Amino acid sequence: MTDRFDTNETGPDDPLLREALEWLVRLRDEQATTAEQQAFEAWLAKGAPQRAAWAEATRLWECFEPARAQVQAMRQRDRALSRRDLLRGAGALTLAGAGGWTLLARGERIGTAPGEIRKLTLADGTRITLGARSTLEAPTDGGPLTLHRGGAYFARPGRNGTAPLQVAVAGAGISCATGAFDLALWPDRATLAVARDAVVLRPAGNSAERSLHAGWATSLHAGGMTAPSPVPPTAIGAWRDGRLIFRDAPLAEVFAALDRYRGGRLLCLDAQTRQIPVTAVFDAATPDAALRTVADSLGLSLVPLPGGLTLVRT
């Protein structure tokens, strides 16, 4: 197994860097005022530490075009988004800067710890972002990549003459020539959402192949798949930028997602409670705060137990 990403001393929790990122987001908003520009200049003139933080924030913003484009798309899609929301996306750039792309070779099985995101690449140029507390295997025999736990985002290169990417999950097979898609395993199903182009899906249970195009998602289970439903492309794989987005997701899946970032395990024994639908957006950097919000909203109590377990009671 390859080494995990190193962490830089300067990260999203560095106060000056966060200030610089906030100024960057403010000044790139077309609604920025002259007063804000003057306030920024005064902040920058305070000294060398501020200037160094600004240079680092600018470097991160310019180096990571995909994340920068997504922040711009967020702003255009929803003018109601606060600057704090945009800063959260910009802060993810510092996490992306903590390491490069690691080659995933055949015969490797790579896993991530709670809260850890890894960036992998295949020899054919495919790029994979492996989510927190996830496991991905590349069999030696050349078979499909297998997602054993957690989630991953797969992005194929343009048409380069290579064979389509093959991925297996929960008994289903996915073939992708040039597209991008997000895949996740949950307690009772797997979910697939296509962000670019299309994939060919072979559900479990000897179901016929079918295509799933960009902007559509489906659930995979032992009996096959559910009818596809539309999903905003900008929401697909948003966890890569630190946003956990749920749309009528069962509470059990919300708990599973939070477990991937906070560690331990949330245990809810009541079947009806586990199926409560949740629609929310949480910051992946603060999973405990998200958990408290869910518990308070639904009137649930949290009881810590030995071994990292937390019992959720109604």
Foldseek 3Di string as FASTA:
>chain_A
DDDAFAADPDALVPVLLLVLLLLVLLVPDPPRDPVSVVVLVVQCVPDDVNVVSNVVLVVLLVVDVVLVVLLVVVCVVDVPDDSVVSSLLSRLSRVVVRDDEAEDDAPDKDFAAQQGWHWYAYPQGKIKIAAFGWIWHHHNVRDAIETPAFKMKIAADAQDPDAWHWYDYQQKIKTGRGFIWIWGDFPAWIKIATLAAWIWIGAAPRDDIDIDGHQWMWIGHNNGIDDIDGDPSSPTPCVSSQKDFFDQQFQRRVQVLLCSHPPAHEDEPDPVNRRGTDGDIDGSNCSVVVVVVVCVVVVWDWDDDPPRYIYIGD
